[in-house]
Amino acid sequence: MTLLATRGLGKSFGGLEAVRGVSLDVAEGEVRAIIGPNGAGKSTLVGMVAGRTRPSAGTIAFAGRDVTALPAWRRVRLGIAYTFQITSVFSGLTCRDNVALAAQHGDRRDRDERIAVALRRVGLADAVARTASALSYGHRRLLEVAMGLALAPRLLIMDEPTQGLAEGEIDGLCRLVRALRTETTVLLIEHNMAVVMALADRITVLDRGAVLAEGPPAAVRADAAVRAAYLGA
């Protein structure tokens, strides 16, 4: 089943076309990576999917429903969660309270369970009472992932999740994404190509706001245009 479909999606800022005519079909349960050089339009694209950026052109459908005009909070309720490229946790709140803000639906027992499970899955179970300001940058990134997981999303958008993580933390994040395959679809923006190649079922390559190539990791790695534009060969 196609969970996310975009058709001719575009975004212009004045005379700059940040995203140009992007059409995607992301299957339910898939890990789809979006890669490309800096300025390729990756974050703008997923910002439109999440409802945080209004498209200039095109449509977005989620689970068969046109969500192009829906605000971000309504998309969250439909099952779209977004972890940011720059951490957006509340520094003065504890880890538990940060996750609790995301997990507001359901009864109290259900919420408490989802909070505990989310923190445990990202390796922050022992930091439940620590304030976010006391965490390392990498752990704040993981806390934001926990906030996304607590929403029990159908689509989890992860924008540069390994940025600032130590090698062991990256390995843990990769294990987490693999474990999520049976629970949620993942749309992943990532510059760490080892992570992309290890996790993605399919890769979409953006260049200058448009789709340059798309396919399974081996095919994208071998694509001459991709190697010239992004992989440096």
C-alpha atoms as a PDB file:
ATOM      1  CA  MET A   1       0.000   0.000   0.000  1.00  0.00           C
ATOM      2  CA  THR A   2       1.228   3.503  -0.824  1.00  0.00           C
ATOM      3  CA  LEU A   3       1.175   5.503   2.411  1.00  0.00           C
ATOM      4  CA  LEU A   4       2.598   8.797   1.140  1.00  0.00           C
ATOM      5  CA  ALA A   5       2.220  10.166  -2.383  1.00  0.00           C
ATOM      6  CA  THR A   6       3.289  13.547  -3.693  1.00  0.00           C
ATOM      7  CA  ARG A   7       2.550  14.794  -7.190  1.00  0.00           C
ATOM      8  CA  GLY A   8       4.347  17.715  -8.820  1.00  0.00           C
ATOM      9  CA  LEU A   9       5.273  19.136  -5.432  1.00  0.00           C
ATOM     10  CA  GLY A  10       7.039  22.480  -5.600  1.00  0.00           C
ATOM     11  CA  LYS A  11       8.087  25.365  -3.388  1.00  0.00           C
ATOM     12  CA  SER A  12       9.332  28.779  -4.455  1.00  0.00           C
ATOM     13  CA  PHE A  13      10.787  31.484  -2.242  1.00  0.00           C
ATOM     14  CA  GLY A  14      10.567  34.613  -4.347  1.00  0.00           C
ATOM     15  CA  GLY A  15      12.452  33.766  -7.518  1.00  0.00           C
ATOM     16  CA  LEU A  16      14.155  30.705  -6.014  1.00  0.00           C
ATOM     17  CA  GLU A  17      12.665  27.289  -6.765  1.00  0.00           C
ATOM     18  CA  ALA A  18      13.718  25.246  -3.721  1.00  0.00           C
ATOM     19  CA  VAL A  19      11.683  22.199  -4.788  1.00  0.00           C
ATOM     20  CA  ARG A  20      10.601  21.529  -8.376  1.00  0.00           C
ATOM     21  CA  GLY A  21       7.943  19.036  -9.442  1.00  0.00           C
ATOM     22  CA  VAL A  22       8.740  16.244  -6.984  1.00  0.00           C
ATOM     23  CA  SER A  23       6.566  13.119  -7.201  1.00  0.00           C
ATOM     24  CA  LEU A  24       7.099  10.386  -4.623  1.00  0.00           C
ATOM     25  CA  ASP A  25       5.366   7.134  -3.743  1.00  0.00           C
ATOM     26  CA  VAL A  26       6.407   5.759  -0.351  1.00  0.00           C
ATOM     27  CA  ALA A  27       5.064   2.343   0.572  1.00  0.00           C
ATOM     28  CA  GLU A  28       3.785   1.520   4.038  1.00  0.00           C
ATOM     29  CA  GLY A  29       6.550  -0.095   6.096  1.00  0.00           C
ATOM     30  CA  GLU A  30       9.310   1.258   3.837  1.00  0.00           C
ATOM     31  CA  VAL A  31      12.461   3.093   4.903  1.00  0.00           C
ATOM     32  CA  ARG A  32      12.883   5.771   2.231  1.00  0.00           C
ATOM     33  CA  ALA A  33      16.020   7.904   2.269  1.00  0.00           C
ATOM     34  CA  ILE A  34      16.149  11.376   0.723  1.00  0.00           C
ATOM     35  CA  ILE A  35      19.693  12.410  -0.131  1.00  0.00           C
ATOM     36  CA  GLY A  36      21.371  15.182  -2.083  1.00  0.00           C
ATOM     37  CA  PRO A  37      23.932  17.968  -1.775  1.00  0.00           C
ATOM     38  CA  ASN A  38      23.389  20.909   0.551  1.00  0.00           C
ATOM     39  CA  GLY A  39      20.674  23.176  -0.833  1.00  0.00           C
ATOM     40  CA  ALA A  40      19.042  20.390  -2.832  1.00  0.00           C
ATOM     41  CA  GLY A  41      15.653  21.013  -1.187  1.00  0.00           C
ATOM     42  CA  LYS A  42      15.506  17.993   1.137  1.00  0.00           C
ATOM     43  CA  SER A  43      14.339  19.757   4.303  1.00  0.00           C
ATOM     44  CA  THR A  44      11.929  21.930   2.335  1.00  0.00           C
ATOM     45  CA  LEU A  45      10.414  18.798   0.813  1.00  0.00           C
ATOM     46  CA  VAL A  46       9.818  17.018   4.123  1.00  0.00           C
ATOM     47  CA  GLY A  47       8.644  20.294   5.663  1.00  0.00           C
ATOM     48  CA  MET A  48       5.865  20.324   3.076  1.00  0.00           C
ATOM     49  CA  VAL A  49       5.012  16.690   3.821  1.00  0.00           C
ATOM     50  CA  ALA A  50       4.796  17.494   7.533  1.00  0.00           C
ATOM     51  CA  GLY A  51       2.668  20.595   6.941  1.00  0.00           C
ATOM     52  CA  ARG A  52       5.218  23.079   8.235  1.00  0.00           C
ATOM     53  CA  THR A  53       5.846  24.592   4.797  1.00  0.00           C
ATOM     54  CA  ARG A  54       3.021  25.464   2.388  1.00  0.00           C
ATOM     55  CA  PRO A  55       3.590  24.138  -1.154  1.00  0.00           C
ATOM     56  CA  SER A  56       3.609  26.522  -4.090  1.00  0.00           C
ATOM     57  CA  ALA A  57       2.479  23.723  -6.405  1.00  0.00           C
ATOM     58  CA  GLY A  58       1.420  20.085  -6.361  1.00  0.00           C
ATOM     59  CA  THR A  59      -0.420  17.770  -3.976  1.00  0.00           C
ATOM     60  CA  ILE A  60       0.290  15.539  -0.976  1.00  0.00           C
ATOM     61  CA  ALA A  61      -1.770  12.446  -0.131  1.00  0.00           C
ATOM     62  CA  PHE A  62      -1.417  10.432   3.073  1.00  0.00           C
ATOM     63  CA  ALA A  63      -3.124   7.042   3.420  1.00  0.00           C
ATOM     64  CA  GLY A  64      -5.247   7.935   0.414  1.00  0.00           C
ATOM     65  CA  ARG A  65      -6.366  11.299   1.793  1.00  0.00           C
ATOM     66  CA  ASP A  66      -5.442  14.658   0.277  1.00  0.00           C
ATOM     67  CA  VAL A  67      -3.649  16.533   3.076  1.00  0.00           C
ATOM     68  CA  THR A  68      -2.151  19.329   0.984  1.00  0.00           C
ATOM     69  CA  ALA A  69      -4.080  22.054   2.786  1.00  0.00           C
ATOM     70  CA  LEU A  70      -4.067  20.532   6.286  1.00  0.00           C
ATOM     71  CA  PRO A  71      -2.039  22.269   9.025  1.00  0.00           C
ATOM     72  CA  ALA A  72       0.792  20.418  10.754  1.00  0.00           C
ATOM     73  CA  TRP A  73      -1.165  19.630  13.931  1.00  0.00           C
ATOM     74  CA  ARG A  74      -3.880  17.865  11.967  1.00  0.00           C
ATOM     75  CA  ARG A  75      -1.286  15.812  10.105  1.00  0.00           C
ATOM     76  CA  VAL A  76       0.198  14.793  13.455  1.00  0.00           C
ATOM     77  CA  ARG A  77      -3.210  13.464  14.453  1.00  0.00           C
ATOM     78  CA  LEU A  78      -3.359  11.491  11.217  1.00  0.00           C
ATOM     79  CA  GLY A  79      -0.032   9.871  12.098  1.00  0.00           C
ATOM     80  CA  ILE A  80       2.787  12.029  10.686  1.00  0.00           C
ATOM     81  CA  ALA A  81       5.632  12.793  13.124  1.00  0.00           C
ATOM     82  CA  TYR A  82       8.653  14.974  12.295  1.00  0.00           C
ATOM     83  CA  THR A  83      12.008  15.130  14.095  1.00  0.00           C
ATOM     84  CA  PHE A  84      13.873  18.291  13.169  1.00  0.00           C
ATOM     85  CA  GLN A  85      17.331  18.844  11.702  1.00  0.00           C
ATOM     86  CA  ILE A  86      17.934  21.243  14.603  1.00  0.00           C
ATOM     87  CA  THR A  87      16.741  19.983  17.983  1.00  0.00           C
ATOM     88  CA  SER A  88      13.462  21.444  19.186  1.00  0.00           C
ATOM     89  CA  VAL A  89      13.227  19.990  22.691  1.00  0.00           C
ATOM     90  CA  PHE A  90      12.262  22.100  25.712  1.00  0.00           C
ATOM     91  CA  SER A  91      15.543  22.666  27.553  1.00  0.00           C
ATOM     92  CA  GLY A  92      14.002  23.410  30.952  1.00  0.00           C
ATOM     93  CA  LEU A  93      11.843  20.289  31.059  1.00  0.00           C
ATOM     94  CA  THR A  94      12.856  16.777  32.025  1.00  0.00           C
ATOM     95  CA  CYS A  95      13.203  14.073  29.412  1.00  0.00           C
ATOM     96  CA  ARG A  96       9.966  12.523  30.622  1.00  0.00           C
ATOM     97  CA  ASP A  97       8.077  15.807  30.413  1.00  0.00           C
ATOM     98  CA  ASN A  98       9.368  16.480  26.906  1.00  0.00           C
ATOM     99  CA  VAL A  99       8.075  13.116  25.717  1.00  0.00           C
ATOM    100  CA  ALA A 100       4.841  13.586  27.683  1.00  0.00           C
ATOM    101  CA  LEU A 101       4.108  16.742  25.666  1.00  0.00           C
ATOM    102  CA  ALA A 102       4.147  14.640  22.512  1.00  0.00           C
ATOM    103  CA  ALA A 103       2.142  11.760  24.010  1.00  0.00           C
ATOM    104  CA  GLN A 104      -0.975  13.641  25.050  1.00  0.00           C
ATOM    105  CA  HIS A 105      -3.580  11.399  23.434  1.00  0.00           C
ATOM    106  CA  GLY A 106      -4.902   8.254  25.086  1.00  0.00           C
ATOM    107  CA  ASP A 107      -5.614   7.483  28.730  1.00  0.00           C
ATOM    108  CA  ARG A 108      -3.003   8.081  31.419  1.00  0.00           C
ATOM    109  CA  ARG A 109      -1.857   4.478  31.702  1.00  0.00           C
ATOM    110  CA  ASP A 110      -1.396   4.273  27.932  1.00  0.00           C
ATOM    111  CA  ARG A 111       0.515   7.582  27.884  1.00  0.00           C
ATOM    112  CA  ASP A 112       2.825   6.522  30.715  1.00  0.00           C
ATOM    113  CA  GLU A 113       3.603   3.277  28.922  1.00  0.00           C
ATOM    114  CA  ARG A 114       4.338   5.015  25.602  1.00  0.00           C
ATOM    115  CA  ILE A 115       6.593   7.538  27.349  1.00  0.00           C
ATOM    116  CA  ALA A 116       8.588   4.817  29.116  1.00  0.00           C
ATOM    117  CA  VAL A 117       8.891   2.683  25.989  1.00  0.00           C
ATOM    118  CA  ALA A 118       9.967   5.625  23.801  1.00  0.00           C
ATOM    119  CA  LEU A 119      12.720   6.683  26.212  1.00  0.00           C
ATOM    120  CA  ARG A 120      13.921   3.110  26.602  1.00  0.00           C
ATOM    121  CA  ARG A 121      14.074   2.515  22.863  1.00  0.00           C
ATOM    122  CA  VAL A 122      16.386   5.488  22.285  1.00  0.00           C
ATOM    123  CA  GLY A 123      18.589   4.592  25.249  1.00  0.00           C
ATOM    124  CA  LEU A 124      17.442   7.352  27.605  1.00  0.00           C
ATOM    125  CA  ALA A 125      15.591   5.298  30.221  1.00  0.00           C
ATOM    126  CA  ASP A 126      18.141   6.259  32.870  1.00  0.00           C
ATOM    127  CA  ALA A 127      17.786   9.966  32.030  1.00  0.00           C
ATOM    128  CA  VAL A 128      14.046  10.207  32.595  1.00  0.00           C
ATOM    129  CA  ALA A 129      14.354  12.823  35.378  1.00  0.00           C
ATOM    130  CA  ARG A 130      17.199  14.828  33.831  1.00  0.00           C
ATOM    131  CA  THR A 131      16.448  18.162  32.209  1.00  0.00           C
ATOM    132  CA  ALA A 132      17.044  18.368  28.487  1.00  0.00           C
ATOM    133  CA  SER A 133      19.583  21.149  29.038  1.00  0.00           C
ATOM    134  CA  ALA A 134      21.789  18.682  30.941  1.00  0.00           C
ATOM    135  CA  LEU A 135      22.000  16.307  27.962  1.00  0.00           C
ATOM    136  CA  SER A 136      24.689  16.249  25.330  1.00  0.00           C
ATOM    137  CA  TYR A 137      23.710  17.462  21.875  1.00  0.00           C
ATOM    138  CA  GLY A 138      23.545  13.878  20.636  1.00  0.00           C
ATOM    139  CA  HIS A 139      21.264  12.840  23.491  1.00  0.00           C
ATOM    140  CA  ARG A 140      18.985  15.783  22.798  1.00  0.00           C
ATOM    141  CA  ARG A 141      18.700  14.460  19.250  1.00  0.00           C
ATOM    142  CA  LEU A 142      17.710  11.072  20.638  1.00  0.00           C
ATOM    143  CA  LEU A 143      15.200  12.709  22.970  1.00  0.00           C
ATOM    144  CA  GLU A 144      13.506  14.298  19.979  1.00  0.00           C
ATOM    145  CA  VAL A 145      13.324  10.878  18.309  1.00  0.00           C
ATOM    146  CA  ALA A 146      11.658   9.575  21.488  1.00  0.00           C
ATOM    147  CA  MET A 147       9.109  12.406  21.231  1.00  0.00           C
ATOM    148  CA  GLY A 148       8.308  11.284  17.699  1.00  0.00           C
ATOM    149  CA  LEU A 149       7.989   7.630  18.715  1.00  0.00           C
ATOM    150  CA  ALA A 150       5.615   8.500  21.553  1.00  0.00           C
ATOM    151  CA  LEU A 151       3.112   9.676  18.944  1.00  0.00           C
ATOM    152  CA  ALA A 152       2.959   6.097  17.592  1.00  0.00           C
ATOM    153  CA  PRO A 153       3.147   7.538  14.052  1.00  0.00           C
ATOM    154  CA  ARG A 154       2.358   5.808  10.793  1.00  0.00           C
ATOM    155  CA  LEU A 155       5.053   7.976   9.154  1.00  0.00           C
ATOM    156  CA  LEU A 156       8.153   9.099  11.044  1.00  0.00           C
ATOM    157  CA  ILE A 157      10.178  11.807   9.285  1.00  0.00           C
ATOM    158  CA  MET A 158      13.770  11.949  10.529  1.00  0.00           C
ATOM    159  CA  ASP A 159      15.848  14.932   9.392  1.00  0.00           C
ATOM    160  CA  GLU A 160      19.584  14.265   9.909  1.00  0.00           C
ATOM    161  CA  PRO A 161      19.044  12.033  12.991  1.00  0.00           C
ATOM    162  CA  THR A 162      22.710  10.986  13.275  1.00  0.00           C
ATOM    163  CA  GLN A 163      24.019  14.563  13.397  1.00  0.00           C
ATOM    164  CA  GLY A 164      25.979  14.992  16.630  1.00  0.00           C
ATOM    165  CA  LEU A 165      25.777  11.323  17.619  1.00  0.00           C
ATOM    166  CA  ALA A 166      28.793   9.267  18.682  1.00  0.00           C
ATOM    167  CA  GLU A 167      29.601   6.109  16.716  1.00  0.00           C
ATOM    168  CA  GLY A 168      27.952   3.847  19.281  1.00  0.00           C
ATOM    169  CA  GLU A 169      24.848   6.022  19.316  1.00  0.00           C
ATOM    170  CA  ILE A 170      24.650   5.846  15.517  1.00  0.00           C
ATOM    171  CA  ASP A 171      24.766   2.047  15.718  1.00  0.00           C
ATOM    172  CA  GLY A 172      21.944   2.157  18.268  1.00  0.00           C
ATOM    173  CA  LEU A 173      19.865   4.454  16.073  1.00  0.00           C
ATOM    174  CA  CYS A 174      20.322   2.107  13.114  1.00  0.00           C
ATOM    175  CA  ARG A 175      19.125  -0.814  15.222  1.00  0.00           C
ATOM    176  CA  LEU A 176      16.110   1.247  16.263  1.00  0.00           C
ATOM    177  CA  VAL A 177      15.160   2.134  12.683  1.00  0.00           C
ATOM    178  CA  ARG A 178      15.430  -1.522  11.666  1.00  0.00           C
ATOM    179  CA  ALA A 179      13.172  -2.489  14.575  1.00  0.00           C
ATOM    180  CA  LEU A 180      10.615   0.138  13.537  1.00  0.00           C
ATOM    181  CA  ARG A 181       9.988  -1.472  10.146  1.00  0.00           C
ATOM    182  CA  THR A 182       7.044  -3.492  11.446  1.00  0.00           C
ATOM    183  CA  GLU A 183       5.489  -0.472  13.157  1.00  0.00           C
ATOM    184  CA  THR A 184       5.971   2.613  11.027  1.00  0.00           C
ATOM    185  CA  THR A 185       7.167   3.984   7.714  1.00  0.00           C
ATOM    186  CA  VAL A 186      10.348   6.059   7.889  1.00  0.00           C
ATOM    187  CA  LEU A 187      11.258   9.001   5.665  1.00  0.00           C
ATOM    188  CA  LEU A 188      14.935   9.673   6.333  1.00  0.00           C
ATOM    189  CA  ILE A 189      17.132  12.624   5.375  1.00  0.00           C
ATOM    190  CA  GLU A 190      20.723  11.682   6.085  1.00  0.00           C
ATOM    191  CA  HIS A 191      24.218  12.681   4.938  1.00  0.00           C
ATOM    192  CA  ASN A 192      25.942   9.648   6.458  1.00  0.00           C
ATOM    193  CA  MET A 193      26.004   7.424   3.380  1.00  0.00           C
ATOM    194  CA  ALA A 194      26.949   4.310   5.344  1.00  0.00           C
ATOM    195  CA  VAL A 195      23.741   4.752   7.357  1.00  0.00           C
ATOM    196  CA  VAL A 196      21.690   5.403   4.215  1.00  0.00           C
ATOM    197  CA  MET A 197      23.007   2.345   2.408  1.00  0.00           C
ATOM    198  CA  ALA A 198      22.502   0.145   5.459  1.00  0.00           C
ATOM    199  CA  LEU A 199      18.921   1.233   6.224  1.00  0.00           C
ATOM    200  CA  ALA A 200      17.109   2.385   3.104  1.00  0.00           C
ATOM    201  CA  ASP A 201      14.839   0.164   1.031  1.00  0.00           C
ATOM    202  CA  ARG A 202      14.811   2.862  -1.639  1.00  0.00           C
ATOM    203  CA  ILE A 203      16.662   6.153  -2.083  1.00  0.00           C
ATOM    204  CA  THR A 204      15.438   9.342  -3.737  1.00  0.00           C
ATOM    205  CA  VAL A 205      18.203  11.718  -4.820  1.00  0.00           C
ATOM    206  CA  LEU A 206      17.435  15.425  -5.068  1.00  0.00           C
ATOM    207  CA  ASP A 207      19.579  17.908  -6.948  1.00  0.00           C
ATOM    208  CA  ARG A 208      18.660  21.580  -7.332  1.00  0.00           C
ATOM    209  CA  GLY A 209      15.178  20.856  -6.025  1.00  0.00           C
ATOM    210  CA  ALA A 210      14.287  18.090  -8.488  1.00  0.00           C
ATOM    211  CA  VAL A 211      14.504  14.288  -8.444  1.00  0.00           C
ATOM    212  CA  LEU A 212      17.783  13.225 -10.037  1.00  0.00           C
ATOM    213  CA  ALA A 213      17.450   9.498  -9.447  1.00  0.00           C
ATOM    214  CA  GLU A 214      15.479   6.968  -7.453  1.00  0.00           C
ATOM    215  CA  GLY A 215      15.844   3.275  -6.691  1.00  0.00           C
ATOM    216  CA  PRO A 216      17.317   0.670  -4.370  1.00  0.00           C
ATOM    217  CA  PRO A 217      20.678   1.509  -2.744  1.00  0.00           C
ATOM    218  CA  ALA A 218      22.828  -0.530  -5.146  1.00  0.00           C
ATOM    219  CA  ALA A 219      21.279   1.069  -8.219  1.00  0.00           C
ATOM    220  CA  VAL A 220      21.614   4.597  -6.809  1.00  0.00           C
ATOM    221  CA  ARG A 221      25.231   3.984  -5.826  1.00  0.00           C
ATOM    222  CA  ALA A 222      25.994   2.858  -9.381  1.00  0.00           C
ATOM    223  CA  ASP A 223      24.166   5.742 -11.103  1.00  0.00           C
ATOM    224  CA  ALA A 224      26.696   7.895 -12.951  1.00  0.00           C
ATOM    225  CA  ALA A 225      24.658  11.101 -12.581  1.00  0.00           C
ATOM    226  CA  VAL A 226      24.341  10.580  -8.828  1.00  0.00           C
ATOM    227  CA  ARG A 227      28.039   9.899  -8.458  1.00  0.00           C
ATOM    228  CA  ALA A 228      28.853  13.070 -10.357  1.00  0.00           C
ATOM    229  CA  ALA A 229      26.370  15.281  -8.495  1.00  0.00           C
ATOM    230  CA  TYR A 230      26.645  13.964  -4.976  1.00  0.00           C
ATOM    231  CA  LEU A 231      28.831  10.955  -4.287  1.00  0.00           C
ATOM    232  CA  GLY A 232      31.936  12.639  -5.633  1.00  0.00           C
ATOM    233  CA  ALA A 233      32.979  10.140  -8.266  1.00  0.00           C
END
